[in-house]
Amino acid sequence: TTWKRHANKEMEKLPSSYDGVLNSGEAIELTTCGGGGYGDPSLRDPNRVASAVNRQWISEEKAEEIYYVKLKLAENGIDYTVNAQATEQLRSVGA
């Protein structure tokens, strides 16, 4: 379901296809079905997991807890990269 939240906090249900302009203070809110993903999480490409963390889709803690991927802060001090050795060790023990 997709909603438009007006600046006055009033919610307007939108059709499945919407083409419009948002004014200051307005937002689009949507609810999607939760997907369980596919395959064994411990087999997910560690670089894809790091990408998900960098996009703030999941936390660094969830990367480790669910996907058995250990990350380290990149040289830029903002993004994360895969700690390959620690990931390999974590996956051999945890998976």
PDB file of N, CA and C in Angstrom:
ATOM      1  N   THR A   1       0.840  -1.174   0.000  1.00  0.00           N
ATOM      2  CA  THR A   1       0.000   0.000   0.000  1.00  0.00           C
ATOM      3  C   THR A   1       0.886   1.237   0.000  1.00  0.00           C
ATOM      4  N   THR A   2       0.501   2.227  -0.791  1.00  0.00           N
ATOM      5  CA  THR A   2       1.272   3.454  -0.897  1.00  0.00           C
ATOM      6  C   THR A   2       0.430   4.626  -0.420  1.00  0.00           C
ATOM      7  N   TRP A   3       1.058   5.465   0.397  1.00  0.00           N
ATOM      8  CA  TRP A   3       0.370   6.614   0.973  1.00  0.00           C
ATOM      9  C   TRP A   3       1.184   7.881   0.740  1.00  0.00           C
ATOM     10  N   LYS A   4       0.481   8.984   0.627  1.00  0.00           N
ATOM     11  CA  LYS A   4       1.130  10.296   0.589  1.00  0.00           C
ATOM     12  C   LYS A   4       0.825  10.968   1.917  1.00  0.00           C
ATOM     13  N   ARG A   5       1.895  11.317   2.637  1.00  0.00           N
ATOM     14  CA  ARG A   5       1.734  12.037   3.908  1.00  0.00           C
ATOM     15  C   ARG A   5       1.903  13.517   3.616  1.00  0.00           C
ATOM     16  N   HIS A   6       0.827  14.248   3.791  1.00  0.00           N
ATOM     17  CA  HIS A   6       0.845  15.686   3.548  1.00  0.00           C
ATOM     18  C   HIS A   6       1.559  16.405   4.689  1.00  0.00           C
ATOM     19  N   ALA A   7       1.912  17.651   4.463  1.00  0.00           N
ATOM     20  CA  ALA A   7       2.642  18.440   5.463  1.00  0.00           C
ATOM     21  C   ALA A   7       1.863  18.532   6.777  1.00  0.00           C
ATOM     22  N   ASN A   8       0.538  18.492   6.706  1.00  0.00           N
ATOM     23  CA  ASN A   8      -0.294  18.565   7.921  1.00  0.00           C
ATOM     24  C   ASN A   8      -0.480  17.194   8.571  1.00  0.00           C
ATOM     25  N   LYS A   9       0.271  16.181   8.096  1.00  0.00           N
ATOM     26  CA  LYS A   9       0.279  14.790   8.589  1.00  0.00           C
ATOM     27  C   LYS A   9      -0.920  13.971   8.110  1.00  0.00           C
ATOM     28  N   GLU A  10      -1.814  14.566   7.342  1.00  0.00           N
ATOM     29  CA  GLU A  10      -2.940  13.820   6.781  1.00  0.00           C
ATOM     30  C   GLU A  10      -2.412  12.800   5.779  1.00  0.00           C
ATOM     31  N   MET A  11      -2.983  11.594   5.820  1.00  0.00           N
ATOM     32  CA  MET A  11      -2.548  10.523   4.942  1.00  0.00           C
ATOM     33  C   MET A  11      -3.555  10.342   3.810  1.00  0.00           C
ATOM     34  N   GLU A  12      -3.032  10.194   2.606  1.00  0.00           N
ATOM     35  CA  GLU A  12      -3.860   9.982   1.426  1.00  0.00           C
ATOM     36  C   GLU A  12      -3.412   8.685   0.755  1.00  0.00           C
ATOM     37  N   LYS A  13      -4.341   7.734   0.616  1.00  0.00           N
ATOM     38  CA  LYS A  13      -4.013   6.474  -0.043  1.00  0.00           C
ATOM     39  C   LYS A  13      -3.889   6.739  -1.540  1.00  0.00           C
ATOM     40  N   LEU A  14      -2.807   6.230  -2.112  1.00  0.00           N
ATOM     41  CA  LEU A  14      -2.546   6.451  -3.526  1.00  0.00           C
ATOM     42  C   LEU A  14      -2.857   5.202  -4.340  1.00  0.00           C
ATOM     43  N   PRO A  15      -3.124   5.396  -5.632  1.00  0.00           N
ATOM     44  CA  PRO A  15      -3.322   4.224  -6.498  1.00  0.00           C
ATOM     45  C   PRO A  15      -2.001   3.485  -6.683  1.00  0.00           C
ATOM     46  N   SER A  16      -2.063   2.308  -7.268  1.00  0.00           N
ATOM     47  CA  SER A  16      -0.853   1.499  -7.425  1.00  0.00           C
ATOM     48  C   SER A  16       0.181   2.177  -8.317  1.00  0.00           C
ATOM     49  N   SER A  17      -0.263   3.060  -9.177  1.00  0.00           N
ATOM     50  CA  SER A  17       0.656   3.830 -10.006  1.00  0.00           C
ATOM     51  C   SER A  17       0.381   5.307  -9.750  1.00  0.00           C
ATOM     52  N   TYR A  18       1.412   6.036  -9.356  1.00  0.00           N
ATOM     53  CA  TYR A  18       1.221   7.439  -8.986  1.00  0.00           C
ATOM     54  C   TYR A  18       2.320   8.284  -9.606  1.00  0.00           C
ATOM     55  N   ASP A  19       1.918   9.378 -10.218  1.00  0.00           N
ATOM     56  CA  ASP A  19       2.859  10.332 -10.787  1.00  0.00           C
ATOM     57  C   ASP A  19       2.450  11.697 -10.257  1.00  0.00           C
ATOM     58  N   GLY A  20       3.246  12.224  -9.359  1.00  0.00           N
ATOM     59  CA  GLY A  20       2.887  13.493  -8.749  1.00  0.00           C
ATOM     60  C   GLY A  20       4.097  14.216  -8.223  1.00  0.00           C
ATOM     61  N   VAL A  21       3.849  15.351  -7.644  1.00  0.00           N
ATOM     62  CA  VAL A  21       4.903  16.197  -7.106  1.00  0.00           C
ATOM     63  C   VAL A  21       4.720  16.277  -5.594  1.00  0.00           C
ATOM     64  N   LEU A  22       5.821  16.167  -4.871  1.00  0.00           N
ATOM     65  CA  LEU A  22       5.782  16.347  -3.422  1.00  0.00           C
ATOM     66  C   LEU A  22       6.187  17.770  -3.094  1.00  0.00           C
ATOM     67  N   ASN A  23       5.445  18.365  -2.213  1.00  0.00           N
ATOM     68  CA  ASN A  23       5.782  19.698  -1.728  1.00  0.00           C
ATOM     69  C   ASN A  23       6.594  19.574  -0.446  1.00  0.00           C
ATOM     70  N   SER A  24       7.155  20.666  -0.014  1.00  0.00           N
ATOM     71  CA  SER A  24       7.939  20.686   1.214  1.00  0.00           C
ATOM     72  C   SER A  24       7.114  20.116   2.367  1.00  0.00           C
ATOM     73  N   GLY A  25       7.708  19.189   3.117  1.00  0.00           N
ATOM     74  CA  GLY A  25       7.037  18.595   4.268  1.00  0.00           C
ATOM     75  C   GLY A  25       6.209  17.365   3.939  1.00  0.00           C
ATOM     76  N   GLU A  26       6.115  17.001   2.666  1.00  0.00           N
ATOM     77  CA  GLU A  26       5.353  15.829   2.276  1.00  0.00           C
ATOM     78  C   GLU A  26       6.280  14.640   2.053  1.00  0.00           C
ATOM     79  N   ALA A  27       5.693  13.446   2.113  1.00  0.00           N
ATOM     80  CA  ALA A  27       6.500  12.239   1.922  1.00  0.00           C
ATOM     81  C   ALA A  27       5.618  11.139   1.361  1.00  0.00           C
ATOM     82  N   ILE A  28       6.266  10.163   0.756  1.00  0.00           N
ATOM     83  CA  ILE A  28       5.589   8.954   0.297  1.00  0.00           C
ATOM     84  C   ILE A  28       5.955   7.845   1.277  1.00  0.00           C
ATOM     85  N   GLU A  29       4.951   7.125   1.728  1.00  0.00           N
ATOM     86  CA  GLU A  29       5.172   5.988   2.609  1.00  0.00           C
ATOM     87  C   GLU A  29       4.591   4.761   1.943  1.00  0.00           C
ATOM     88  N   LEU A  30       5.354   3.678   1.984  1.00  0.00           N
ATOM     89  CA  LEU A  30       4.833   2.464   1.379  1.00  0.00           C
ATOM     90  C   LEU A  30       5.175   1.261   2.229  1.00  0.00           C
ATOM     91  N   THR A  31       4.323   0.271   2.106  1.00  0.00           N
ATOM     92  CA  THR A  31       4.508  -0.989   2.803  1.00  0.00           C
ATOM     93  C   THR A  31       4.637  -2.065   1.751  1.00  0.00           C
ATOM     94  N   THR A  32       5.677  -2.846   1.867  1.00  0.00           N
ATOM     95  CA  THR A  32       5.870  -3.958   0.944  1.00  0.00           C
ATOM     96  C   THR A  32       5.856  -5.252   1.734  1.00  0.00           C
ATOM     97  N   CYS A  33       5.633  -6.331   1.036  1.00  0.00           N
ATOM     98  CA  CYS A  33       5.654  -7.618   1.720  1.00  0.00           C
ATOM     99  C   CYS A  33       7.095  -7.932   2.105  1.00  0.00           C
ATOM    100  N   GLY A  34       7.260  -8.594   3.195  1.00  0.00           N
ATOM    101  CA  GLY A  34       8.600  -8.974   3.639  1.00  0.00           C
ATOM    102  C   GLY A  34       9.047 -10.222   2.908  1.00  0.00           C
ATOM    103  N   GLY A  35      10.206 -10.152   2.347  1.00  0.00           N
ATOM    104  CA  GLY A  35      10.727 -11.311   1.632  1.00  0.00           C
ATOM    105  C   GLY A  35      11.744 -12.035   2.483  1.00  0.00           C
ATOM    106  N   GLY A  36      11.744 -13.305   2.422  1.00  0.00           N
ATOM    107  CA  GLY A  36      12.690 -14.102   3.188  1.00  0.00           C
ATOM    108  C   GLY A  36      14.025 -14.266   2.488  1.00  0.00           C
ATOM    109  N   GLY A  37      14.135 -13.670   1.311  1.00  0.00           N
ATOM    110  CA  GLY A  37      15.382 -13.835   0.579  1.00  0.00           C
ATOM    111  C   GLY A  37      15.404 -15.176  -0.115  1.00  0.00           C
ATOM    112  N   TYR A  38      16.579 -15.580  -0.523  1.00  0.00           N
ATOM    113  CA  TYR A  38      16.696 -16.851  -1.212  1.00  0.00           C
ATOM    114  C   TYR A  38      18.001 -17.509  -0.816  1.00  0.00           C
ATOM    115  N   GLY A  39      17.935 -18.795  -0.680  1.00  0.00           N
ATOM    116  CA  GLY A  39      19.134 -19.563  -0.372  1.00  0.00           C
ATOM    117  C   GLY A  39      19.637 -19.386   1.047  1.00  0.00           C
ATOM    118  N   ASP A  40      20.692 -20.100   1.330  1.00  0.00           N
ATOM    119  CA  ASP A  40      21.340 -20.092   2.632  1.00  0.00           C
ATOM    120  C   ASP A  40      22.062 -18.754   2.827  1.00  0.00           C
ATOM    121  N   PRO A  41      21.703 -17.975   3.848  1.00  0.00           N
ATOM    122  CA  PRO A  41      22.347 -16.684   4.071  1.00  0.00           C
ATOM    123  C   PRO A  41      23.864 -16.781   4.240  1.00  0.00           C
ATOM    124  N   SER A  42      24.342 -17.910   4.757  1.00  0.00           N
ATOM    125  CA  SER A  42      25.784 -18.054   4.969  1.00  0.00           C
ATOM    126  C   SER A  42      26.551 -18.256   3.672  1.00  0.00           C
ATOM    127  N   LEU A  43      25.815 -18.413   2.569  1.00  0.00           N
ATOM    128  CA  LEU A  43      26.454 -18.570   1.265  1.00  0.00           C
ATOM    129  C   LEU A  43      26.387 -17.286   0.431  1.00  0.00           C
ATOM    130  N   ARG A  44      25.762 -16.256   0.989  1.00  0.00           N
ATOM    131  CA  ARG A  44      25.644 -14.983   0.265  1.00  0.00           C
ATOM    132  C   ARG A  44      27.021 -14.390   0.016  1.00  0.00           C
ATOM    133  N   ASP A  45      27.219 -13.848  -1.162  1.00  0.00           N
ATOM    134  CA  ASP A  45      28.481 -13.204  -1.518  1.00  0.00           C
ATOM    135  C   ASP A  45      28.788 -12.116  -0.488  1.00  0.00           C
ATOM    136  N   PRO A  46      29.899 -12.208   0.231  1.00  0.00           N
ATOM    137  CA  PRO A  46      30.228 -11.223   1.265  1.00  0.00           C
ATOM    138  C   PRO A  46      30.267  -9.787   0.747  1.00  0.00           C
ATOM    139  N   ASN A  47      30.664  -9.590  -0.505  1.00  0.00           N
ATOM    140  CA  ASN A  47      30.688  -8.234  -1.050  1.00  0.00           C
ATOM    141  C   ASN A  47      29.286  -7.658  -1.215  1.00  0.00           C
ATOM    142  N   ARG A  48      28.324  -8.520  -1.510  1.00  0.00           N
ATOM    143  CA  ARG A  48      26.933  -8.056  -1.585  1.00  0.00           C
ATOM    144  C   ARG A  48      26.416  -7.689  -0.200  1.00  0.00           C
ATOM    145  N   VAL A  49      26.835  -8.426   0.799  1.00  0.00           N
ATOM    146  CA  VAL A  49      26.436  -8.111   2.172  1.00  0.00           C
ATOM    147  C   VAL A  49      27.038  -6.764   2.579  1.00  0.00           C
ATOM    148  N   ALA A  50      28.307  -6.540   2.261  1.00  0.00           N
ATOM    149  CA  ALA A  50      28.941  -5.249   2.565  1.00  0.00           C
ATOM    150  C   ALA A  50      28.215  -4.119   1.858  1.00  0.00           C
ATOM    151  N   SER A  51      27.799  -4.347   0.630  1.00  0.00           N
ATOM    152  CA  SER A  51      27.058  -3.338  -0.118  1.00  0.00           C
ATOM    153  C   SER A  51      25.734  -3.013   0.565  1.00  0.00           C
ATOM    154  N   ALA A  52      25.059  -4.031   1.076  1.00  0.00           N
ATOM    155  CA  ALA A  52      23.795  -3.813   1.787  1.00  0.00           C
ATOM    156  C   ALA A  52      24.012  -2.989   3.051  1.00  0.00           C
ATOM    157  N   VAL A  53      25.102  -3.228   3.754  1.00  0.00           N
ATOM    158  CA  VAL A  53      25.420  -2.446   4.950  1.00  0.00           C
ATOM    159  C   VAL A  53      25.725  -1.005   4.555  1.00  0.00           C
ATOM    160  N   ASN A  54      26.500  -0.820   3.493  1.00  0.00           N
ATOM    161  CA  ASN A  54      26.853   0.527   3.053  1.00  0.00           C
ATOM    162  C   ASN A  54      25.638   1.320   2.589  1.00  0.00           C
ATOM    163  N   ARG A  55      24.615   0.628   2.130  1.00  0.00           N
ATOM    164  CA  ARG A  55      23.373   1.295   1.725  1.00  0.00           C
ATOM    165  C   ARG A  55      22.417   1.462   2.906  1.00  0.00           C
ATOM    166  N   GLN A  56      22.838   0.980   4.057  1.00  0.00           N
ATOM    167  CA  GLN A  56      22.069   1.044   5.299  1.00  0.00           C
ATOM    168  C   GLN A  56      20.786   0.222   5.231  1.00  0.00           C
ATOM    169  N   TRP A  57      20.832  -0.859   4.430  1.00  0.00           N
ATOM    170  CA  TRP A  57      19.707  -1.779   4.386  1.00  0.00           C
ATOM    171  C   TRP A  57      19.737  -2.717   5.573  1.00  0.00           C
ATOM    172  N   ILE A  58      20.932  -3.063   6.038  1.00  0.00           N
ATOM    173  CA  ILE A  58      21.108  -3.886   7.230  1.00  0.00           C
ATOM    174  C   ILE A  58      22.266  -3.300   8.038  1.00  0.00           C
ATOM    175  N   SER A  59      22.348  -3.686   9.282  1.00  0.00           N
ATOM    176  CA  SER A  59      23.420  -3.189  10.145  1.00  0.00           C
ATOM    177  C   SER A  59      24.646  -4.085  10.039  1.00  0.00           C
ATOM    178  N   GLU A  60      25.747  -3.568  10.506  1.00  0.00           N
ATOM    179  CA  GLU A  60      26.976  -4.358  10.560  1.00  0.00           C
ATOM    180  C   GLU A  60      26.760  -5.591  11.436  1.00  0.00           C
ATOM    181  N   GLU A  61      26.009  -5.422  12.521  1.00  0.00           N
ATOM    182  CA  GLU A  61      25.735  -6.534  13.434  1.00  0.00           C
ATOM    183  C   GLU A  61      24.910  -7.622  12.741  1.00  0.00           C
ATOM    184  N   LYS A  62      23.904  -7.222  11.954  1.00  0.00           N
ATOM    185  CA  LYS A  62      23.075  -8.206  11.247  1.00  0.00           C
ATOM    186  C   LYS A  62      23.875  -8.922  10.165  1.00  0.00           C
ATOM    187  N   ALA A  63      24.819  -8.209   9.541  1.00  0.00           N
ATOM    188  CA  ALA A  63      25.674  -8.849   8.541  1.00  0.00           C
ATOM    189  C   ALA A  63      26.411 -10.026   9.166  1.00  0.00           C
ATOM    190  N   GLU A  64      26.875  -9.824  10.377  1.00  0.00           N
ATOM    191  CA  GLU A  64      27.604 -10.881  11.071  1.00  0.00           C
ATOM    192  C   GLU A  64      26.663 -11.963  11.586  1.00  0.00           C
ATOM    193  N   GLU A  65      25.544 -11.542  12.181  1.00  0.00           N
ATOM    194  CA  GLU A  65      24.616 -12.482  12.802  1.00  0.00           C
ATOM    195  C   GLU A  65      23.896 -13.372  11.782  1.00  0.00           C
ATOM    196  N   ILE A  66      23.469 -12.790  10.672  1.00  0.00           N
ATOM    197  CA  ILE A  66      22.656 -13.530   9.703  1.00  0.00           C
ATOM    198  C   ILE A  66      23.492 -14.142   8.581  1.00  0.00           C
ATOM    199  N   TYR A  67      24.432 -13.343   8.054  1.00  0.00           N
ATOM    200  CA  TYR A  67      25.179 -13.771   6.867  1.00  0.00           C
ATOM    201  C   TYR A  67      26.584 -14.274   7.181  1.00  0.00           C
ATOM    202  N   TYR A  68      26.984 -14.205   8.435  1.00  0.00           N
ATOM    203  CA  TYR A  68      28.327 -14.629   8.849  1.00  0.00           C
ATOM    204  C   TYR A  68      29.405 -13.890   8.052  1.00  0.00           C
ATOM    205  N   VAL A  69      29.207 -12.580   7.940  1.00  0.00           N
ATOM    206  CA  VAL A  69      30.175 -11.745   7.231  1.00  0.00           C
ATOM    207  C   VAL A  69      30.731 -10.726   8.214  1.00  0.00           C
ATOM    208  N   LYS A  70      32.025 -10.741   8.378  1.00  0.00           N
ATOM    209  CA  LYS A  70      32.715  -9.807   9.263  1.00  0.00           C
ATOM    210  C   LYS A  70      33.214  -8.653   8.391  1.00  0.00           C
ATOM    211  N   LEU A  71      32.903  -7.446   8.808  1.00  0.00           N
ATOM    212  CA  LEU A  71      33.270  -6.259   8.049  1.00  0.00           C
ATOM    213  C   LEU A  71      34.313  -5.441   8.786  1.00  0.00           C
ATOM    214  N   LYS A  72      34.948  -4.561   8.049  1.00  0.00           N
ATOM    215  CA  LYS A  72      35.883  -3.606   8.648  1.00  0.00           C
ATOM    216  C   LYS A  72      35.648  -2.263   7.971  1.00  0.00           C
ATOM    217  N   LEU A  73      35.974  -1.218   8.684  1.00  0.00           N
ATOM    218  CA  LEU A  73      35.809   0.121   8.145  1.00  0.00           C
ATOM    219  C   LEU A  73      36.808   0.339   7.012  1.00  0.00           C
ATOM    220  N   ALA A  74      36.324   0.894   5.922  1.00  0.00           N
ATOM    221  CA  ALA A  74      37.178   1.169   4.769  1.00  0.00           C
ATOM    222  C   ALA A  74      38.097   2.353   5.075  1.00  0.00           C
ATOM    223  N   GLU A  75      39.063   2.563   4.203  1.00  0.00           N
ATOM    224  CA  GLU A  75      40.017   3.656   4.389  1.00  0.00           C
ATOM    225  C   GLU A  75      39.353   5.020   4.436  1.00  0.00           C
ATOM    226  N   ASN A  76      38.191   5.168   3.779  1.00  0.00           N
ATOM    227  CA  ASN A  76      37.511   6.469   3.785  1.00  0.00           C
ATOM    228  C   ASN A  76      36.829   6.761   5.122  1.00  0.00           C
ATOM    229  N   GLY A  77      36.806   5.760   6.016  1.00  0.00           N
ATOM    230  CA  GLY A  77      36.229   5.953   7.347  1.00  0.00           C
ATOM    231  C   GLY A  77      34.713   5.978   7.372  1.00  0.00           C
ATOM    232  N   ILE A  78      34.096   5.695   6.229  1.00  0.00           N
ATOM    233  CA  ILE A  78      32.632   5.753   6.134  1.00  0.00           C
ATOM    234  C   ILE A  78      32.052   4.399   5.757  1.00  0.00           C
ATOM    235  N   ASP A  79      32.561   3.835   4.678  1.00  0.00           N
ATOM    236  CA  ASP A  79      32.037   2.580   4.154  1.00  0.00           C
ATOM    237  C   ASP A  79      32.683   1.380   4.841  1.00  0.00           C
ATOM    238  N   TYR A  80      32.085   0.227   4.578  1.00  0.00           N
ATOM    239  CA  TYR A  80      32.620  -1.028   5.088  1.00  0.00           C
ATOM    240  C   TYR A  80      33.103  -1.896   3.934  1.00  0.00           C
ATOM    241  N   THR A  81      34.119  -2.686   4.211  1.00  0.00           N
ATOM    242  CA  THR A  81      34.602  -3.695   3.282  1.00  0.00           C
ATOM    243  C   THR A  81      34.638  -5.023   4.023  1.00  0.00           C
ATOM    244  N   VAL A  82      34.769  -6.079   3.271  1.00  0.00           N
ATOM    245  CA  VAL A  82      34.776  -7.418   3.858  1.00  0.00           C
ATOM    246  C   VAL A  82      36.134  -7.701   4.480  1.00  0.00           C
ATOM    247  N   ASN A  83      36.104  -8.186   5.704  1.00  0.00           N
ATOM    248  CA  ASN A  83      37.302  -8.721   6.343  1.00  0.00           C
ATOM    249  C   ASN A  83      37.302 -10.207   5.973  1.00  0.00           C
ATOM    250  N   ALA A  84      38.001 -10.528   4.882  1.00  0.00           N
ATOM    251  CA  ALA A  84      37.934 -11.877   4.295  1.00  0.00           C
ATOM    252  C   ALA A  84      38.371 -12.966   5.272  1.00  0.00           C
ATOM    253  N   GLN A  85      39.470 -12.748   5.968  1.00  0.00           N
ATOM    254  CA  GLN A  85      39.982 -13.770   6.880  1.00  0.00           C
ATOM    255  C   GLN A  85      39.005 -14.013   8.027  1.00  0.00           C
ATOM    256  N   ALA A  86      38.487 -12.943   8.621  1.00  0.00           N
ATOM    257  CA  ALA A  86      37.544 -13.094   9.730  1.00  0.00           C
ATOM    258  C   ALA A  86      36.223 -13.688   9.256  1.00  0.00           C
ATOM    259  N   THR A  87      35.800 -13.340   8.023  1.00  0.00           N
ATOM    260  CA  THR A  87      34.572 -13.912   7.470  1.00  0.00           C
ATOM    261  C   THR A  87      34.736 -15.411   7.250  1.00  0.00           C
ATOM    262  N   GLU A  88      35.850 -15.802   6.688  1.00  0.00           N
ATOM    263  CA  GLU A  88      36.115 -17.227   6.454  1.00  0.00           C
ATOM    264  C   GLU A  88      36.089 -17.998   7.767  1.00  0.00           C
ATOM    265  N   GLN A  89      36.711 -17.428   8.790  1.00  0.00           N
ATOM    266  CA  GLN A  89      36.748 -18.098  10.094  1.00  0.00           C
ATOM    267  C   GLN A  89      35.336 -18.154  10.691  1.00  0.00           C
ATOM    268  N   LEU A  90      34.604 -17.054  10.617  1.00  0.00           N
ATOM    269  CA  LEU A  90      33.240 -17.009  11.168  1.00  0.00           C
ATOM    270  C   LEU A  90      32.336 -18.012  10.462  1.00  0.00           C
ATOM    271  N   ARG A  91      32.441 -18.095   9.155  1.00  0.00           N
ATOM    272  CA  ARG A  91      31.602 -19.016   8.405  1.00  0.00           C
ATOM    273  C   ARG A  91      31.977 -20.476   8.679  1.00  0.00           C
ATOM    274  N   SER A  92      33.214 -20.745   8.929  1.00  0.00           N
ATOM    275  CA  SER A  92      33.609 -22.139   9.206  1.00  0.00           C
ATOM    276  C   SER A  92      33.113 -22.597  10.572  1.00  0.00           C
ATOM    277  N   VAL A  93      32.938 -21.672  11.486  1.00  0.00           N
ATOM    278  CA  VAL A  93      32.480 -22.002  12.825  1.00  0.00           C
ATOM    279  C   VAL A  93      30.966 -21.884  12.948  1.00  0.00           C
ATOM    280  N   GLY A  94      30.411 -20.782  12.386  1.00  0.00           N
ATOM    281  CA  GLY A  94      29.000 -20.467  12.620  1.00  0.00           C
ATOM    282  C   GLY A  94      28.020 -21.115  11.683  1.00  0.00           C
ATOM    283  N   ALA A  95      28.426 -21.434  10.495  1.00  0.00           N
ATOM    284  CA  ALA A  95      27.447 -21.906   9.500  1.00  0.00           C
ATOM    285  C   ALA A  95      27.161 -23.376   9.602  1.00  0.00           C
TER     286      ALA A  95
END
